[in-house]
């Protein structure tokens, strides 16, 4: 089954970097309330917030598989692409600026933009940073809309990173830092998942109804519905599973509900309770607390797993489920 993320709008990309420097959370209930509206989980499917200027400066290092081309025209700069788990959750990539060894002084980079045929152009991302000779610096960057015009992932060699270099003397200019071969792995992963997501969304729409609090037998519970809407397909659409997160358990209707080919919309009732993970590790590492994975089959195709985030406006009620669960004897 292919799993894809429905929350790749780039709105939460900064927190991924901030959390990488975090020191964890306490087990207290207060910790649940403080992290609950930011997260998902180490094994879970993530979200994030943070400073738009946060970057990770990596110590100079070499990669045996990477050969630097002639970088005279790009002020000694090349680029690679990385995507860590928290980046995937936030819908961003890391543009890794690479400076060839042996130069002098610092190169002042003020903005970057990926120019590659797999994604439409996005506005330049302002990320002021100084790059020393031999250094690699990660810059979190949102992507433009995916362009699924070919059967295979476009080659890294077809792209570059447009970099604004500003020495501070009024001579700022834009150079094209070539992509290195080791960028291909991340580009392939990001592009393929985005294309699977786009192809599914062209045919099927997903959203949640409003959530309502109800506590049967005193168990903190929220009830809602997954709304499945037919778009551009005449095939039957089946929901084959709905998974929660590390901190939230989702119970849903079985057997698998199906939207017949002659109907437009289907509502699948779902019930959410706390998963009972109240330890500091679970609470502090949760990155996709409010992102539930929906498994969907269109016609006779293999099921596809889509990550469907709960809207921000509805998250407080689910956060309170976690708080109340960790403050009660009802642990799952």
C-alpha atoms as a PDB file:
ATOM      1  CA  UNK A   1       0.000   0.000   0.000  1.00  0.00           C
ATOM      2  CA  UNK A   2       1.285   3.453  -0.889  1.00  0.00           C
ATOM      3  CA  UNK A   3       1.138   6.088   1.847  1.00  0.00           C
ATOM      4  CA  UNK A   4       0.934   9.794   1.073  1.00  0.00           C
ATOM      5  CA  UNK A   5       0.512  12.992   3.040  1.00  0.00           C
ATOM      6  CA  UNK A   6      -2.534  15.236   2.588  1.00  0.00           C
ATOM      7  CA  UNK A   7      -0.985  18.097   4.569  1.00  0.00           C
ATOM      8  CA  UNK A   8       1.781  19.331   2.312  1.00  0.00           C
ATOM      9  CA  UNK A   9       0.924  22.996   2.091  1.00  0.00           C
ATOM     10  CA  UNK A  10       4.209  24.216   3.564  1.00  0.00           C
ATOM     11  CA  UNK A  11       2.463  26.132   6.367  1.00  0.00           C
ATOM     12  CA  UNK A  12       4.190  24.256   9.178  1.00  0.00           C
ATOM     13  CA  UNK A  13       7.687  23.816   7.798  1.00  0.00           C
ATOM     14  CA  UNK A  14       9.557  25.925  10.375  1.00  0.00           C
ATOM     15  CA  UNK A  15       8.756  23.887  13.455  1.00  0.00           C
ATOM     16  CA  UNK A  16      10.389  20.805  11.994  1.00  0.00           C
ATOM     17  CA  UNK A  17      13.765  22.492  12.377  1.00  0.00           C
ATOM     18  CA  UNK A  18      12.977  23.955  15.776  1.00  0.00           C
ATOM     19  CA  UNK A  19      11.976  20.554  17.158  1.00  0.00           C
ATOM     20  CA  UNK A  20      15.208  18.997  15.958  1.00  0.00           C
ATOM     21  CA  UNK A  21      16.925  21.116  18.616  1.00  0.00           C
ATOM     22  CA  UNK A  22      14.313  20.456  21.304  1.00  0.00           C
ATOM     23  CA  UNK A  23      15.017  18.885  24.693  1.00  0.00           C
ATOM     24  CA  UNK A  24      11.801  16.887  25.226  1.00  0.00           C
ATOM     25  CA  UNK A  25       8.780  17.286  27.499  1.00  0.00           C
ATOM     26  CA  UNK A  26       7.771  16.274  30.995  1.00  0.00           C
ATOM     27  CA  UNK A  27       5.176  13.653  31.783  1.00  0.00           C
ATOM     28  CA  UNK A  28       2.912  16.148  33.492  1.00  0.00           C
ATOM     29  CA  UNK A  29      -0.558  16.849  32.125  1.00  0.00           C
ATOM     30  CA  UNK A  30       0.554  20.411  31.473  1.00  0.00           C
ATOM     31  CA  UNK A  31       2.971  19.032  28.900  1.00  0.00           C
ATOM     32  CA  UNK A  32       0.090  17.456  27.033  1.00  0.00           C
ATOM     33  CA  UNK A  33      -1.714  20.765  26.769  1.00  0.00           C
ATOM     34  CA  UNK A  34       1.432  22.596  25.706  1.00  0.00           C
ATOM     35  CA  UNK A  35       2.436  20.219  22.914  1.00  0.00           C
ATOM     36  CA  UNK A  36      -0.930  18.858  21.935  1.00  0.00           C
ATOM     37  CA  UNK A  37      -1.832  21.501  19.388  1.00  0.00           C
ATOM     38  CA  UNK A  38       1.542  21.319  17.633  1.00  0.00           C
ATOM     39  CA  UNK A  39       2.037  17.636  16.942  1.00  0.00           C
ATOM     40  CA  UNK A  40       1.810  13.983  15.569  1.00  0.00           C
ATOM     41  CA  UNK A  41       4.566  11.295  16.682  1.00  0.00           C
ATOM     42  CA  UNK A  42       7.824   9.496  16.023  1.00  0.00           C
ATOM     43  CA  UNK A  43       5.970   6.579  14.485  1.00  0.00           C
ATOM     44  CA  UNK A  44       2.949   8.711  13.735  1.00  0.00           C
ATOM     45  CA  UNK A  45       2.191  11.182  10.929  1.00  0.00           C
ATOM     46  CA  UNK A  46       3.432  14.841  11.785  1.00  0.00           C
ATOM     47  CA  UNK A  47       2.693  18.692  11.858  1.00  0.00           C
ATOM     48  CA  UNK A  48       4.760  21.630  13.167  1.00  0.00           C
ATOM     49  CA  UNK A  49       5.322  25.344  13.822  1.00  0.00           C
ATOM     50  CA  UNK A  50       8.410  27.464  14.548  1.00  0.00           C
ATOM     51  CA  UNK A  51      10.771  30.264  13.540  1.00  0.00           C
ATOM     52  CA  UNK A  52      10.930  31.042   9.805  1.00  0.00           C
ATOM     53  CA  UNK A  53      14.645  31.795  10.065  1.00  0.00           C
ATOM     54  CA  UNK A  54      15.755  28.582  11.750  1.00  0.00           C
ATOM     55  CA  UNK A  55      18.483  26.689   9.896  1.00  0.00           C
ATOM     56  CA  UNK A  56      20.861  23.865  10.694  1.00  0.00           C
ATOM     57  CA  UNK A  57      24.542  24.583  10.114  1.00  0.00           C
ATOM     58  CA  UNK A  58      26.325  21.292   9.615  1.00  0.00           C
ATOM     59  CA  UNK A  59      30.009  20.873  10.270  1.00  0.00           C
ATOM     60  CA  UNK A  60      32.155  20.591   7.152  1.00  0.00           C
ATOM     61  CA  UNK A  61      32.074  17.026   5.854  1.00  0.00           C
ATOM     62  CA  UNK A  62      32.525  15.113   2.647  1.00  0.00           C
ATOM     63  CA  UNK A  63      30.348  12.531   0.941  1.00  0.00           C
ATOM     64  CA  UNK A  64      32.370   9.918  -0.966  1.00  0.00           C
ATOM     65  CA  UNK A  65      29.593   9.535  -3.565  1.00  0.00           C
ATOM     66  CA  UNK A  66      29.468  13.243  -4.441  1.00  0.00           C
ATOM     67  CA  UNK A  67      31.750  14.845  -7.032  1.00  0.00           C
ATOM     68  CA  UNK A  68      31.665  18.620  -7.269  1.00  0.00           C
ATOM     69  CA  UNK A  69      31.474  20.043 -10.803  1.00  0.00           C
ATOM     70  CA  UNK A  70      33.035  23.326 -11.873  1.00  0.00           C
ATOM     71  CA  UNK A  71      31.376  25.879  -9.578  1.00  0.00           C
ATOM     72  CA  UNK A  72      33.064  29.043 -10.828  1.00  0.00           C
ATOM     73  CA  UNK A  73      29.807  30.560 -12.118  1.00  0.00           C
ATOM     74  CA  UNK A  74      27.953  29.853  -8.851  1.00  0.00           C
ATOM     75  CA  UNK A  75      30.490  31.365  -6.434  1.00  0.00           C
ATOM     76  CA  UNK A  76      31.605  27.872  -5.402  1.00  0.00           C
ATOM     77  CA  UNK A  77      28.072  26.777  -4.449  1.00  0.00           C
ATOM     78  CA  UNK A  78      26.281  23.543  -5.322  1.00  0.00           C
ATOM     79  CA  UNK A  79      23.172  22.039  -3.730  1.00  0.00           C
ATOM     80  CA  UNK A  80      21.651  18.761  -2.658  1.00  0.00           C
ATOM     81  CA  UNK A  81      18.174  17.871  -1.408  1.00  0.00           C
ATOM     82  CA  UNK A  82      17.242  16.142   1.827  1.00  0.00           C
ATOM     83  CA  UNK A  83      13.923  15.341   3.459  1.00  0.00           C
ATOM     84  CA  UNK A  84      13.765  14.120   7.041  1.00  0.00           C
ATOM     85  CA  UNK A  85      10.696  12.606   8.675  1.00  0.00           C
ATOM     86  CA  UNK A  86       9.634  15.889  10.246  1.00  0.00           C
ATOM     87  CA  UNK A  87      10.145  17.672   6.922  1.00  0.00           C
ATOM     88  CA  UNK A  88       7.838  15.220   5.197  1.00  0.00           C
ATOM     89  CA  UNK A  89       5.263  15.883   7.888  1.00  0.00           C
ATOM     90  CA  UNK A  90       5.525  19.623   7.271  1.00  0.00           C
ATOM     91  CA  UNK A  91       5.521  19.306   3.489  1.00  0.00           C
ATOM     92  CA  UNK A  92       8.973  20.806   2.938  1.00  0.00           C
ATOM     93  CA  UNK A  93      12.427  19.801   1.804  1.00  0.00           C
ATOM     94  CA  UNK A  94      15.866  20.781   3.003  1.00  0.00           C
ATOM     95  CA  UNK A  95      17.903  22.518   0.351  1.00  0.00           C
ATOM     96  CA  UNK A  96      21.434  21.649   1.416  1.00  0.00           C
ATOM     97  CA  UNK A  97      23.805  24.341   0.220  1.00  0.00           C
ATOM     98  CA  UNK A  98      27.279  22.956  -0.449  1.00  0.00           C
ATOM     99  CA  UNK A  99      30.399  25.117  -0.744  1.00  0.00           C
ATOM    100  CA  UNK A 100      33.505  23.690  -2.328  1.00  0.00           C
ATOM    101  CA  UNK A 101      36.582  23.513  -0.076  1.00  0.00           C
ATOM    102  CA  UNK A 102      39.618  25.699  -0.519  1.00  0.00           C
ATOM    103  CA  UNK A 103      37.950  29.074  -0.907  1.00  0.00           C
ATOM    104  CA  UNK A 104      38.349  32.106   1.329  1.00  0.00           C
ATOM    105  CA  UNK A 105      35.903  34.001   3.516  1.00  0.00           C
ATOM    106  CA  UNK A 106      32.156  33.481   3.682  1.00  0.00           C
ATOM    107  CA  UNK A 107      29.512  33.493   0.972  1.00  0.00           C
ATOM    108  CA  UNK A 108      26.389  35.353   2.133  1.00  0.00           C
ATOM    109  CA  UNK A 109      23.253  33.576   0.903  1.00  0.00           C
ATOM    110  CA  UNK A 110      19.981  35.473   1.377  1.00  0.00           C
ATOM    111  CA  UNK A 111      17.429  33.335  -0.487  1.00  0.00           C
ATOM    112  CA  UNK A 112      17.028  30.011  -2.294  1.00  0.00           C
ATOM    113  CA  UNK A 113      14.540  28.542  -4.771  1.00  0.00           C
ATOM    114  CA  UNK A 114      14.395  25.069  -6.285  1.00  0.00           C
ATOM    115  CA  UNK A 115      14.151  25.163 -10.086  1.00  0.00           C
ATOM    116  CA  UNK A 116      13.392  21.584 -11.165  1.00  0.00           C
ATOM    117  CA  UNK A 117      10.752  20.274 -13.611  1.00  0.00           C
ATOM    118  CA  UNK A 118       9.141  17.964 -11.036  1.00  0.00           C
ATOM    119  CA  UNK A 119       7.546  20.924  -9.219  1.00  0.00           C
ATOM    120  CA  UNK A 120       6.173  24.257 -10.310  1.00  0.00           C
ATOM    121  CA  UNK A 121       8.206  27.283  -9.314  1.00  0.00           C
ATOM    122  CA  UNK A 122       7.621  28.580  -5.784  1.00  0.00           C
ATOM    123  CA  UNK A 123       8.608  32.070  -4.599  1.00  0.00           C
ATOM    124  CA  UNK A 124      12.201  32.379  -3.349  1.00  0.00           C
ATOM    125  CA  UNK A 125      12.567  31.366   0.296  1.00  0.00           C
ATOM    126  CA  UNK A 126      14.398  34.004   2.325  1.00  0.00           C
ATOM    127  CA  UNK A 127      17.045  32.246   4.433  1.00  0.00           C
ATOM    128  CA  UNK A 128      20.023  34.509   5.271  1.00  0.00           C
ATOM    129  CA  UNK A 129      23.062  32.370   6.081  1.00  0.00           C
ATOM    130  CA  UNK A 130      26.836  32.519   5.740  1.00  0.00           C
ATOM    131  CA  UNK A 131      28.446  29.508   4.039  1.00  0.00           C
ATOM    132  CA  UNK A 132      32.101  28.722   4.747  1.00  0.00           C
ATOM    133  CA  UNK A 133      34.405  26.730   2.456  1.00  0.00           C
ATOM    134  CA  UNK A 134      33.708  22.997   2.717  1.00  0.00           C
ATOM    135  CA  UNK A 135      30.478  23.572   4.662  1.00  0.00           C
ATOM    136  CA  UNK A 136      26.984  22.193   4.071  1.00  0.00           C
ATOM    137  CA  UNK A 137      24.023  24.187   5.382  1.00  0.00           C
ATOM    138  CA  UNK A 138      20.408  22.943   5.449  1.00  0.00           C
ATOM    139  CA  UNK A 139      17.694  25.451   4.525  1.00  0.00           C
ATOM    140  CA  UNK A 140      14.041  24.332   5.017  1.00  0.00           C
ATOM    141  CA  UNK A 141      12.080  25.237   1.904  1.00  0.00           C
ATOM    142  CA  UNK A 142       8.442  24.693   0.826  1.00  0.00           C
ATOM    143  CA  UNK A 143       7.707  23.232  -2.595  1.00  0.00           C
ATOM    144  CA  UNK A 144       5.506  24.454  -5.413  1.00  0.00           C
ATOM    145  CA  UNK A 145       2.703  22.353  -6.874  1.00  0.00           C
ATOM    146  CA  UNK A 146       3.811  18.975  -8.182  1.00  0.00           C
ATOM    147  CA  UNK A 147       4.063  18.547 -11.960  1.00  0.00           C
ATOM    148  CA  UNK A 148       3.248  14.930 -12.831  1.00  0.00           C
ATOM    149  CA  UNK A 149       3.884  15.174 -16.558  1.00  0.00           C
ATOM    150  CA  UNK A 150       6.195  12.173 -16.947  1.00  0.00           C
ATOM    151  CA  UNK A 151       6.090   8.525 -15.931  1.00  0.00           C
ATOM    152  CA  UNK A 152       9.492   8.693 -14.224  1.00  0.00           C
ATOM    153  CA  UNK A 153      11.016  11.168 -11.831  1.00  0.00           C
ATOM    154  CA  UNK A 154      12.851  13.943 -13.712  1.00  0.00           C
ATOM    155  CA  UNK A 155      16.620  13.737 -13.364  1.00  0.00           C
ATOM    156  CA  UNK A 156      18.447  15.881 -10.820  1.00  0.00           C
ATOM    157  CA  UNK A 157      20.601  17.146 -13.702  1.00  0.00           C
ATOM    158  CA  UNK A 158      17.596  19.011 -15.130  1.00  0.00           C
ATOM    159  CA  UNK A 159      17.419  21.265 -12.093  1.00  0.00           C
ATOM    160  CA  UNK A 160      19.364  23.736 -10.010  1.00  0.00           C
ATOM    161  CA  UNK A 161      18.884  25.950  -6.983  1.00  0.00           C
ATOM    162  CA  UNK A 162      18.600  29.659  -7.683  1.00  0.00           C
ATOM    163  CA  UNK A 163      20.596  31.371  -4.931  1.00  0.00           C
ATOM    164  CA  UNK A 164      20.704  35.062  -4.126  1.00  0.00           C
ATOM    165  CA  UNK A 165      24.233  35.961  -3.044  1.00  0.00           C
ATOM    166  CA  UNK A 166      24.614  39.327  -1.309  1.00  0.00           C
ATOM    167  CA  UNK A 167      28.092  40.396  -0.192  1.00  0.00           C
ATOM    168  CA  UNK A 168      26.586  43.546   1.329  1.00  0.00           C
ATOM    169  CA  UNK A 169      28.215  46.005  -1.029  1.00  0.00           C
ATOM    170  CA  UNK A 170      25.247  46.566  -3.326  1.00  0.00           C
ATOM    171  CA  UNK A 171      26.266  43.851  -5.783  1.00  0.00           C
ATOM    172  CA  UNK A 172      23.679  41.182  -4.868  1.00  0.00           C
ATOM    173  CA  UNK A 173      23.061  38.730  -7.686  1.00  0.00           C
ATOM    174  CA  UNK A 174      21.367  35.415  -8.419  1.00  0.00           C
ATOM    175  CA  UNK A 175      23.458  32.362  -9.292  1.00  0.00           C
ATOM    176  CA  UNK A 176      22.389  28.850 -10.262  1.00  0.00           C
ATOM    177  CA  UNK A 177      23.878  26.255  -7.937  1.00  0.00           C
ATOM    178  CA  UNK A 178      23.814  22.885  -9.743  1.00  0.00           C
ATOM    179  CA  UNK A 179      22.104  19.941  -8.063  1.00  0.00           C
ATOM    180  CA  UNK A 180      24.400  17.110  -7.066  1.00  0.00           C
ATOM    181  CA  UNK A 181      23.717  13.459  -7.901  1.00  0.00           C
ATOM    182  CA  UNK A 182      22.915  12.612  -4.282  1.00  0.00           C
ATOM    183  CA  UNK A 183      19.818  14.858  -4.532  1.00  0.00           C
ATOM    184  CA  UNK A 184      18.089  12.265  -6.721  1.00  0.00           C
ATOM    185  CA  UNK A 185      17.007   9.971  -3.877  1.00  0.00           C
ATOM    186  CA  UNK A 186      15.071  12.671  -2.040  1.00  0.00           C
ATOM    187  CA  UNK A 187      13.648  14.142  -5.251  1.00  0.00           C
ATOM    188  CA  UNK A 188      12.400  10.728  -6.327  1.00  0.00           C
ATOM    189  CA  UNK A 189      10.717  10.097  -2.961  1.00  0.00           C
ATOM    190  CA  UNK A 190       9.092  13.526  -2.738  1.00  0.00           C
ATOM    191  CA  UNK A 191       7.914  13.588  -6.354  1.00  0.00           C
ATOM    192  CA  UNK A 192       6.440  10.089  -6.442  1.00  0.00           C
ATOM    193  CA  UNK A 193       4.461  10.559  -3.220  1.00  0.00           C
ATOM    194  CA  UNK A 194       3.199  13.950  -4.354  1.00  0.00           C
ATOM    195  CA  UNK A 195       2.063  12.510  -7.696  1.00  0.00           C
ATOM    196  CA  UNK A 196       0.208   9.632  -6.035  1.00  0.00           C
ATOM    197  CA  UNK A 197      -1.502  12.179  -3.799  1.00  0.00           C
ATOM    198  CA  UNK A 198      -2.397  14.438  -6.720  1.00  0.00           C
ATOM    199  CA  UNK A 199      -3.798  11.618  -8.842  1.00  0.00           C
ATOM    200  CA  UNK A 200      -5.984  10.459  -5.985  1.00  0.00           C
ATOM    201  CA  UNK A 201      -7.225  13.974  -5.161  1.00  0.00           C
ATOM    202  CA  UNK A 202      -8.145  14.478  -8.791  1.00  0.00           C
ATOM    203  CA  UNK A 203     -10.625  11.645  -8.339  1.00  0.00           C
ATOM    204  CA  UNK A 204     -11.652  11.687  -4.671  1.00  0.00           C
ATOM    205  CA  UNK A 205     -12.128  14.427  -2.076  1.00  0.00           C
ATOM    206  CA  UNK A 206     -11.808  14.008   1.705  1.00  0.00           C
ATOM    207  CA  UNK A 207     -12.795  16.123   4.687  1.00  0.00           C
ATOM    208  CA  UNK A 208     -14.060  15.774   8.245  1.00  0.00           C
ATOM    209  CA  UNK A 209     -17.423  16.864   9.567  1.00  0.00           C
ATOM    210  CA  UNK A 210     -17.463  18.899  12.798  1.00  0.00           C
ATOM    211  CA  UNK A 211     -16.329  17.037  15.911  1.00  0.00           C
ATOM    212  CA  UNK A 212     -18.565  16.695  18.996  1.00  0.00           C
ATOM    213  CA  UNK A 213     -17.547  15.684  22.521  1.00  0.00           C
ATOM    214  CA  UNK A 214     -19.274  12.704  24.120  1.00  0.00           C
ATOM    215  CA  UNK A 215     -17.922  10.581  26.964  1.00  0.00           C
ATOM    216  CA  UNK A 216     -19.675   7.182  27.026  1.00  0.00           C
ATOM    217  CA  UNK A 217     -18.990   5.360  30.301  1.00  0.00           C
ATOM    218  CA  UNK A 218     -16.820   8.293  31.334  1.00  0.00           C
ATOM    219  CA  UNK A 219     -14.234   7.677  28.579  1.00  0.00           C
ATOM    220  CA  UNK A 220     -13.096  10.979  26.963  1.00  0.00           C
ATOM    221  CA  UNK A 221     -14.405  10.695  23.396  1.00  0.00           C
ATOM    222  CA  UNK A 222     -14.960  12.816  20.286  1.00  0.00           C
ATOM    223  CA  UNK A 223     -17.235  11.747  17.430  1.00  0.00           C
ATOM    224  CA  UNK A 224     -17.248  12.940  13.826  1.00  0.00           C
ATOM    225  CA  UNK A 225     -17.438  11.706  10.258  1.00  0.00           C
ATOM    226  CA  UNK A 226     -15.041  11.238   7.385  1.00  0.00           C
ATOM    227  CA  UNK A 227     -16.739  12.695   4.299  1.00  0.00           C
ATOM    228  CA  UNK A 228     -15.692  11.097   0.988  1.00  0.00           C
ATOM    229  CA  UNK A 229     -16.730  12.923  -2.204  1.00  0.00           C
ATOM    230  CA  UNK A 230     -16.522  11.630  -5.763  1.00  0.00           C
ATOM    231  CA  UNK A 231     -14.629  13.855  -8.173  1.00  0.00           C
ATOM    232  CA  UNK A 232     -13.305  12.628 -11.515  1.00  0.00           C
ATOM    233  CA  UNK A 233     -13.962   8.880 -11.429  1.00  0.00           C
ATOM    234  CA  UNK A 234     -16.873   6.564 -12.152  1.00  0.00           C
ATOM    235  CA  UNK A 235     -15.366   3.699 -10.132  1.00  0.00           C
ATOM    236  CA  UNK A 236     -16.616   2.548  -6.748  1.00  0.00           C
ATOM    237  CA  UNK A 237     -14.645   4.107  -3.865  1.00  0.00           C
ATOM    238  CA  UNK A 238     -14.044   2.056  -0.707  1.00  0.00           C
ATOM    239  CA  UNK A 239     -12.641   3.164   2.638  1.00  0.00           C
ATOM    240  CA  UNK A 240     -10.659   0.176   3.877  1.00  0.00           C
ATOM    241  CA  UNK A 241      -9.168   1.648   7.039  1.00  0.00           C
ATOM    242  CA  UNK A 242      -8.759   4.715   9.246  1.00  0.00           C
ATOM    243  CA  UNK A 243      -5.730   4.844  11.549  1.00  0.00           C
ATOM    244  CA  UNK A 244      -5.178   7.280  14.392  1.00  0.00           C
ATOM    245  CA  UNK A 245      -1.925   8.603  15.791  1.00  0.00           C
ATOM    246  CA  UNK A 246       0.304   7.657  18.708  1.00  0.00           C
ATOM    247  CA  UNK A 247      -1.764   9.838  21.054  1.00  0.00           C
ATOM    248  CA  UNK A 248      -5.228   9.321  19.555  1.00  0.00           C
ATOM    249  CA  UNK A 249      -7.064   6.072  18.783  1.00  0.00           C
ATOM    250  CA  UNK A 250      -9.607   6.038  15.937  1.00  0.00           C
ATOM    251  CA  UNK A 251     -12.495   3.578  15.798  1.00  0.00           C
ATOM    252  CA  UNK A 252     -14.519   3.502  12.592  1.00  0.00           C
ATOM    253  CA  UNK A 253     -17.358   1.705  10.825  1.00  0.00           C
ATOM    254  CA  UNK A 254     -16.786  -1.869   9.646  1.00  0.00           C
ATOM    255  CA  UNK A 255     -17.175  -3.639   7.274  1.00  0.00           C
ATOM    256  CA  UNK A 256     -15.435  -1.253   4.866  1.00  0.00           C
ATOM    257  CA  UNK A 257     -17.972   1.297   3.583  1.00  0.00           C
ATOM    258  CA  UNK A 258     -18.173   1.798  -0.188  1.00  0.00           C
ATOM    259  CA  UNK A 259     -19.390   4.713  -2.287  1.00  0.00           C
ATOM    260  CA  UNK A 260     -21.201   3.081  -5.246  1.00  0.00           C
ATOM    261  CA  UNK A 261     -20.408   4.322  -8.724  1.00  0.00           C
ATOM    262  CA  UNK A 262     -23.821   6.020  -9.021  1.00  0.00           C
ATOM    263  CA  UNK A 263     -23.526   8.012  -5.763  1.00  0.00           C
ATOM    264  CA  UNK A 264     -21.573  11.185  -5.081  1.00  0.00           C
ATOM    265  CA  UNK A 265     -20.861  11.304  -1.354  1.00  0.00           C
ATOM    266  CA  UNK A 266     -20.287   8.969   1.591  1.00  0.00           C
ATOM    267  CA  UNK A 267     -20.033   9.723   5.315  1.00  0.00           C
ATOM    268  CA  UNK A 268     -18.061   7.314   7.487  1.00  0.00           C
ATOM    269  CA  UNK A 269     -18.698   7.739  11.255  1.00  0.00           C
ATOM    270  CA  UNK A 270     -15.503   7.726  13.319  1.00  0.00           C
ATOM    271  CA  UNK A 271     -14.912   7.908  17.065  1.00  0.00           C
ATOM    272  CA  UNK A 272     -11.706   9.221  18.635  1.00  0.00           C
ATOM    273  CA  UNK A 273     -10.412   8.393  22.126  1.00  0.00           C
ATOM    274  CA  UNK A 274      -7.059   8.889  23.818  1.00  0.00           C
ATOM    275  CA  UNK A 275      -4.487   6.203  23.073  1.00  0.00           C
ATOM    276  CA  UNK A 276      -3.301   6.298  26.687  1.00  0.00           C
ATOM    277  CA  UNK A 277       0.275   7.223  25.786  1.00  0.00           C
ATOM    278  CA  UNK A 278       0.998   9.707  28.537  1.00  0.00           C
ATOM    279  CA  UNK A 279       4.756   9.175  28.901  1.00  0.00           C
ATOM    280  CA  UNK A 280       7.132  12.034  28.200  1.00  0.00           C
ATOM    281  CA  UNK A 281       8.622  10.350  25.141  1.00  0.00           C
ATOM    282  CA  UNK A 282       5.260   9.975  23.394  1.00  0.00           C
ATOM    283  CA  UNK A 283       4.091  13.470  24.305  1.00  0.00           C
ATOM    284  CA  UNK A 284       7.267  15.276  23.291  1.00  0.00           C
ATOM    285  CA  UNK A 285       7.952  13.305  20.103  1.00  0.00           C
ATOM    286  CA  UNK A 286       4.406  13.330  18.739  1.00  0.00           C
ATOM    287  CA  UNK A 287       4.519  14.999  15.313  1.00  0.00           C
ATOM    288  CA  UNK A 288       1.237  13.958  13.700  1.00  0.00           C
ATOM    289  CA  UNK A 289      -1.187  13.928  16.580  1.00  0.00           C
ATOM    290  CA  UNK A 290      -4.007  15.342  14.441  1.00  0.00           C
ATOM    291  CA  UNK A 291      -3.213  13.571  11.171  1.00  0.00           C
ATOM    292  CA  UNK A 292      -5.172  10.355  10.614  1.00  0.00           C
ATOM    293  CA  UNK A 293      -4.370   7.964   7.809  1.00  0.00           C
ATOM    294  CA  UNK A 294      -7.274   6.915   5.589  1.00  0.00           C
ATOM    295  CA  UNK A 295      -6.849   3.852   3.373  1.00  0.00           C
ATOM    296  CA  UNK A 296      -8.847   4.135   0.148  1.00  0.00           C
ATOM    297  CA  UNK A 297      -9.434   1.805  -2.798  1.00  0.00           C
ATOM    298  CA  UNK A 298     -10.665   3.167  -6.135  1.00  0.00           C
ATOM    299  CA  UNK A 299     -12.186   0.433  -8.290  1.00  0.00           C
ATOM    300  CA  UNK A 300      -9.927  -2.634  -8.371  1.00  0.00           C
ATOM    301  CA  UNK A 301      -6.738  -0.685  -7.661  1.00  0.00           C
ATOM    302  CA  UNK A 302      -4.524  -1.363  -4.666  1.00  0.00           C
ATOM    303  CA  UNK A 303      -5.485   0.681  -1.573  1.00  0.00           C
ATOM    304  CA  UNK A 304      -3.694   3.981  -1.106  1.00  0.00           C
ATOM    305  CA  UNK A 305      -3.030   5.456   2.345  1.00  0.00           C
ATOM    306  CA  UNK A 306      -3.662   9.202   2.582  1.00  0.00           C
ATOM    307  CA  UNK A 307      -2.731  11.359   5.554  1.00  0.00           C
ATOM    308  CA  UNK A 308      -5.703  13.616   6.323  1.00  0.00           C
ATOM    309  CA  UNK A 309      -5.058  16.379   8.907  1.00  0.00           C
ATOM    310  CA  UNK A 310      -7.814  17.544  11.237  1.00  0.00           C
ATOM    311  CA  UNK A 311      -8.404  21.299  10.618  1.00  0.00           C
ATOM    312  CA  UNK A 312      -6.774  23.632  13.134  1.00  0.00           C
ATOM    313  CA  UNK A 313     -10.157  24.883  14.360  1.00  0.00           C
ATOM    314  CA  UNK A 314     -11.168  21.355  15.424  1.00  0.00           C
ATOM    315  CA  UNK A 315      -7.916  20.392  17.131  1.00  0.00           C
ATOM    316  CA  UNK A 316      -8.654  21.838  20.605  1.00  0.00           C
ATOM    317  CA  UNK A 317     -11.433  19.303  21.199  1.00  0.00           C
ATOM    318  CA  UNK A 318      -9.068  16.453  20.336  1.00  0.00           C
ATOM    319  CA  UNK A 319      -6.293  17.992  22.421  1.00  0.00           C
ATOM    320  CA  UNK A 320      -8.678  18.000  25.381  1.00  0.00           C
ATOM    321  CA  UNK A 321      -9.319  14.296  24.796  1.00  0.00           C
ATOM    322  CA  UNK A 322      -5.589  13.686  25.322  1.00  0.00           C
ATOM    323  CA  UNK A 323      -5.462  15.909  28.412  1.00  0.00           C
ATOM    324  CA  UNK A 324      -8.509  14.276  29.972  1.00  0.00           C
ATOM    325  CA  UNK A 325      -7.313  10.772  29.122  1.00  0.00           C
ATOM    326  CA  UNK A 326      -3.934  11.355  30.733  1.00  0.00           C
ATOM    327  CA  UNK A 327      -5.669  12.840  33.760  1.00  0.00           C
ATOM    328  CA  UNK A 328      -8.060   9.913  34.236  1.00  0.00           C
ATOM    329  CA  UNK A 329      -7.902   6.208  34.821  1.00  0.00           C
ATOM    330  CA  UNK A 330      -9.128   5.449  31.307  1.00  0.00           C
ATOM    331  CA  UNK A 331      -5.947   4.361  29.521  1.00  0.00           C
ATOM    332  CA  UNK A 332      -6.000   2.373  26.317  1.00  0.00           C
END
